[in-house]
Every structure is written in C-alpha cells, then in structure tokens.
Amino acid sequence: MAYMCDDSRDDAMKNQESAEHCTKCPENQQETTESAETDALSACKKEVLDTKNLLLRVRADFDNYKKRVERDRAAWNDMAQASVLKELLPVVDDFDRAIKEHQKKERTPELDAWLAGFELIAKSLNKFLQQHKVTEITEATDFDPHFHDAFAQIESPEHASGQIVDVVQRGYKFKDTVLRPARVVVAK
C-alpha cells in the first residue's frame, strides 16, 4: 500500500469533497437527470422500434404461412379429386366398349332403347368429367411419353416412325396433370 504525505492527502480529500459537492448542486443534478432521461428515452425508442420491426416480421411470416397452407390445401384437394376421378375412368371405358359392341349387332327396337339409355349414361359421365376439368388426351399425333404409353409397335406405310397409328385406351388429364396416359400403337 502506498503512503501519502499529509499535503497530498489533504488535496485528495478536497478534490473528493469538490466532486461530491458538484453532484449535489441543483444545476449538476438537473443535467445528470436530463442525461439519464435522454438515455432512458433513447433506449425506449430503440425498444419500440425493435418491437415494431419484430411485429412486422411476425406478421409477414404469418401471411406467408397462411398462403402456404392455402396452397397445400388446394394441392391436397386436387390430389384427392384426381384419385377419385382416376377410379372413375374404367367405368367410362366400360360404357364406351359396351356401346361400341352393341352398335355392331343387328338393330332391334329393344336394342335401340337399351343403347339410348347407355348413351345417356355415357354422356352424363363425360359431362361430369368435363365439369371437373378432366379432358381427353387427343392433341398429339406423334408419340409423347408424357401423354402416351406405347402398347405396341407395328409397321405402317401410312405413318412415319414414332407416329401414333391407333389409340387402344383413351388417356385423360385433370387440369394439367395426366390422370392416365393414352395407350397407343406406334409406327416403327
């Protein structure tokens, strides 16, 4: 420990008393209080600004979450509809085959009545598919693996290689998604 001489000790005590006196002066107390209030006000403003920015970020995140949930819900809805509609396609095929087969037979009034009923049911099924945005894949003459399933390849002098010769089973799209590719016979 360092020892101070009496004069140094007296000077140090005077300086300490002077410093204590300065903080006890009303003018100095007011400046110190204003400085503390200014610091507190600045801290509060910063906290309000940070909280406001956080609120904006949380609101934006929540809006993005709602949009994502809505997109997911629409996708799930489309997948469920596509699944049900895909299961209906064999029924449509069966009606079409039955009508074609019975149109080949000798026509009688009974057969005509039966065919008229079948044709009405087939039209209702096709209308139902159209209402639910199911369309037949018909636009291509060339084989496209995205829309067609090659059932067989045959020699065909009337068709170029890769062209569709015959459609064995119709293909369908739901909105922009292929429900079932068309089964086709392709020229070699």
Protein backbone atom coordinates (compact mmCIF):
# COMPACT_ATOMS: atom_id res chain seq x y z
CA MET A 1 0.00 0.00 0.00
CA ALA A 2 1.31 3.42 -0.91
CA TYR A 3 1.57 6.11 1.79
CA MET A 4 0.57 9.68 1.07
CA CYS A 5 2.01 12.67 2.63
CA ASP A 6 -0.34 14.95 4.56
CA ASP A 7 -0.44 17.58 1.80
CA SER A 8 -1.35 15.02 -0.82
CA ARG A 9 -3.99 13.56 1.46
CA ASP A 10 -5.50 16.99 2.02
CA ASP A 11 -5.58 17.70 -1.75
CA ALA A 12 -7.24 14.35 -2.45
CA MET A 13 -9.88 14.96 0.19
CA LYS A 14 -10.58 18.44 -1.18
CA ASN A 15 -10.96 17.04 -4.72
CA GLN A 16 -13.31 14.33 -3.43
CA GLU A 17 -15.38 16.86 -1.48
CA SER A 18 -15.45 19.11 -4.54
CA ALA A 19 -16.70 16.23 -6.72
CA GLU A 20 -19.34 15.32 -4.15
CA HIS A 21 -20.33 18.98 -3.93
CA CYS A 22 -20.67 19.16 -7.78
CA THR A 23 -23.07 16.24 -7.90
CA LYS A 24 -25.09 17.67 -5.06
CA CYS A 25 -25.51 21.05 -6.77
CA PRO A 26 -29.03 21.52 -8.16
CA GLU A 27 -27.67 22.57 -11.56
CA ASN A 28 -25.50 19.45 -11.85
CA GLN A 29 -28.28 17.19 -10.59
CA GLN A 30 -30.61 18.57 -13.27
CA GLU A 31 -28.04 17.92 -16.02
CA THR A 32 -27.44 14.40 -14.72
CA THR A 33 -31.19 13.74 -14.52
CA GLU A 34 -31.78 15.12 -18.05
CA SER A 35 -28.93 12.97 -19.36
CA ALA A 36 -30.39 9.87 -17.68
CA GLU A 37 -33.87 10.69 -19.01
CA THR A 38 -32.49 11.20 -22.51
CA ASP A 39 -30.67 7.87 -22.29
CA ALA A 40 -33.82 6.16 -20.99
CA LEU A 41 -35.92 7.79 -23.72
CA SER A 42 -33.45 6.68 -26.41
CA ALA A 43 -33.48 3.14 -25.01
CA CYS A 44 -37.31 3.12 -25.03
CA LYS A 45 -37.44 4.43 -28.60
CA LYS A 46 -34.98 1.74 -29.70
CA GLU A 47 -37.03 -0.92 -27.91
CA VAL A 48 -40.26 0.33 -29.56
CA LEU A 49 -38.58 0.31 -32.97
CA ASP A 50 -37.20 -3.21 -32.41
CA THR A 51 -40.63 -4.42 -31.26
CA LYS A 52 -42.30 -2.80 -34.27
CA ASN A 53 -39.81 -4.48 -36.64
CA LEU A 54 -40.35 -7.81 -34.89
CA LEU A 55 -44.12 -7.40 -35.23
CA LEU A 56 -43.78 -6.66 -38.95
CA ARG A 57 -41.60 -9.75 -39.43
CA VAL A 58 -44.02 -11.95 -37.47
CA ARG A 59 -46.96 -10.60 -39.48
CA ALA A 60 -45.14 -11.26 -42.77
CA ASP A 61 -44.21 -14.78 -41.59
CA PHE A 62 -47.84 -15.44 -40.65
CA ASP A 63 -49.10 -14.16 -44.01
CA ASN A 64 -46.61 -16.45 -45.78
CA TYR A 65 -47.74 -19.34 -43.57
CA LYS A 66 -51.40 -18.73 -44.47
CA LYS A 67 -50.55 -18.63 -48.18
CA ARG A 68 -48.51 -21.83 -47.92
CA VAL A 69 -51.31 -23.60 -46.04
CA GLU A 70 -53.82 -22.47 -48.69
CA ARG A 71 -51.54 -23.74 -51.49
CA ASP A 72 -51.08 -27.05 -49.67
CA ARG A 73 -54.82 -27.36 -49.09
CA ALA A 74 -55.51 -26.73 -52.79
CA ALA A 75 -52.86 -29.31 -53.76
CA TRP A 76 -54.34 -31.90 -51.37
CA ASN A 77 -57.81 -31.18 -52.73
CA ASP A 78 -56.57 -31.64 -56.31
CA MET A 79 -54.83 -34.90 -55.37
CA ALA A 80 -58.00 -36.24 -53.73
CA GLN A 81 -60.13 -35.25 -56.71
CA ALA A 82 -57.62 -36.77 -59.14
CA SER A 83 -57.64 -40.03 -57.19
CA VAL A 84 -61.44 -40.31 -57.32
CA LEU A 85 -61.63 -39.26 -60.96
CA LYS A 86 -58.95 -41.76 -61.93
CA GLU A 87 -61.02 -44.55 -60.36
CA LEU A 88 -63.99 -43.47 -62.49
CA LEU A 89 -62.14 -43.79 -65.81
CA PRO A 90 -62.52 -47.60 -66.13
CA VAL A 91 -66.29 -47.17 -65.76
CA VAL A 92 -66.29 -44.67 -68.63
CA ASP A 93 -64.22 -47.11 -70.70
CA ASP A 94 -66.65 -49.95 -69.96
CA PHE A 95 -69.61 -47.85 -71.10
CA ASP A 96 -67.82 -46.89 -74.32
CA ARG A 97 -66.89 -50.52 -75.06
CA ALA A 98 -70.43 -51.74 -74.35
CA ILE A 99 -71.94 -49.13 -76.67
CA LYS A 100 -69.48 -49.92 -79.48
CA GLU A 101 -70.04 -53.67 -79.20
CA HIS A 102 -73.82 -53.39 -79.20
CA GLN A 103 -73.82 -50.97 -82.14
CA LYS A 104 -72.29 -53.78 -84.21
CA LYS A 105 -75.24 -56.09 -83.52
CA GLU A 106 -78.45 -56.29 -85.52
CA ARG A 107 -80.66 -53.33 -84.61
CA THR A 108 -83.99 -54.07 -82.92
CA PRO A 109 -86.33 -51.71 -81.04
CA GLU A 110 -85.26 -53.31 -77.76
CA LEU A 111 -81.57 -52.87 -78.56
CA ASP A 112 -82.17 -49.27 -79.68
CA ALA A 113 -83.88 -48.47 -76.38
CA TRP A 114 -81.10 -50.15 -74.44
CA LEU A 115 -78.42 -48.30 -76.45
CA ALA A 116 -80.20 -44.96 -75.96
CA GLY A 117 -80.12 -45.49 -72.18
CA PHE A 118 -76.45 -46.45 -72.24
CA GLU A 119 -75.60 -43.46 -74.42
CA LEU A 120 -77.38 -41.12 -71.98
CA ILE A 121 -75.39 -42.57 -69.09
CA ALA A 122 -72.15 -42.26 -71.07
CA LYS A 123 -72.98 -38.61 -71.93
CA SER A 124 -73.68 -37.92 -68.24
CA LEU A 125 -70.35 -39.44 -67.24
CA ASN A 126 -68.49 -37.43 -69.89
CA LYS A 127 -70.28 -34.24 -68.80
CA PHE A 128 -69.33 -34.99 -65.19
CA LEU A 129 -65.69 -35.39 -66.23
CA GLN A 130 -65.76 -32.10 -68.17
CA GLN A 131 -67.28 -30.26 -65.20
CA HIS A 132 -64.39 -31.48 -63.08
CA LYS A 133 -61.80 -30.34 -65.65
CA VAL A 134 -60.97 -33.79 -66.94
CA THR A 135 -60.08 -33.72 -70.64
CA GLU A 136 -59.17 -36.43 -73.08
CA ILE A 137 -55.61 -36.50 -74.42
CA THR A 138 -56.18 -36.04 -78.15
CA GLU A 139 -53.89 -33.27 -79.35
CA ALA A 140 -50.85 -35.36 -80.32
CA THR A 141 -50.21 -37.36 -83.46
CA ASP A 142 -46.62 -38.15 -82.50
CA PHE A 143 -45.75 -40.36 -79.55
CA ASP A 144 -45.01 -38.35 -76.39
CA PRO A 145 -44.00 -40.39 -73.31
CA HIS A 146 -45.54 -37.75 -71.04
CA PHE A 147 -49.00 -38.39 -72.50
CA HIS A 148 -48.78 -41.83 -74.10
CA ASP A 149 -48.00 -45.39 -73.14
CA ALA A 150 -46.75 -47.43 -76.11
CA PHE A 151 -48.81 -50.59 -76.22
CA ALA A 152 -47.23 -51.96 -79.39
CA GLN A 153 -45.13 -51.00 -82.42
CA ILE A 154 -46.20 -52.00 -85.92
CA GLU A 155 -45.08 -51.42 -89.49
CA SER A 156 -47.27 -48.78 -91.11
CA PRO A 157 -46.57 -47.40 -94.59
CA GLU A 158 -49.07 -44.54 -93.99
CA HIS A 159 -47.31 -43.30 -90.83
CA ALA A 160 -43.82 -42.06 -90.12
CA SER A 161 -41.74 -43.68 -87.40
CA GLY A 162 -42.93 -42.56 -83.96
CA GLN A 163 -46.40 -41.54 -85.10
CA ILE A 164 -49.49 -42.88 -83.37
CA VAL A 165 -51.28 -45.46 -85.51
CA ASP A 166 -54.14 -46.36 -83.14
CA VAL A 167 -55.39 -45.48 -79.65
CA VAL A 168 -56.14 -48.65 -77.68
CA GLN A 169 -57.23 -46.87 -74.50
CA ARG A 170 -58.01 -43.18 -74.21
CA GLY A 171 -55.87 -41.08 -71.91
CA TYR A 172 -57.10 -38.27 -69.67
CA LYS A 173 -55.72 -35.15 -68.00
CA PHE A 174 -57.04 -33.47 -64.86
CA LYS A 175 -56.26 -29.77 -65.09
CA ASP A 176 -52.59 -30.00 -66.23
CA THR A 177 -51.81 -33.39 -64.68
CA VAL A 178 -52.01 -36.67 -66.58
CA LEU A 179 -54.53 -38.93 -64.85
CA ARG A 180 -53.93 -41.81 -67.20
CA PRO A 181 -51.70 -41.86 -70.29
CA ALA A 182 -53.27 -42.95 -73.55
CA ARG A 183 -52.30 -46.50 -74.55
CA VAL A 184 -51.31 -46.31 -78.20
CA VAL A 185 -49.94 -48.33 -81.05
CA VAL A 186 -46.90 -46.60 -82.59
CA ALA A 187 -45.43 -46.90 -86.07
CA LYS A 188 -41.91 -48.34 -86.35
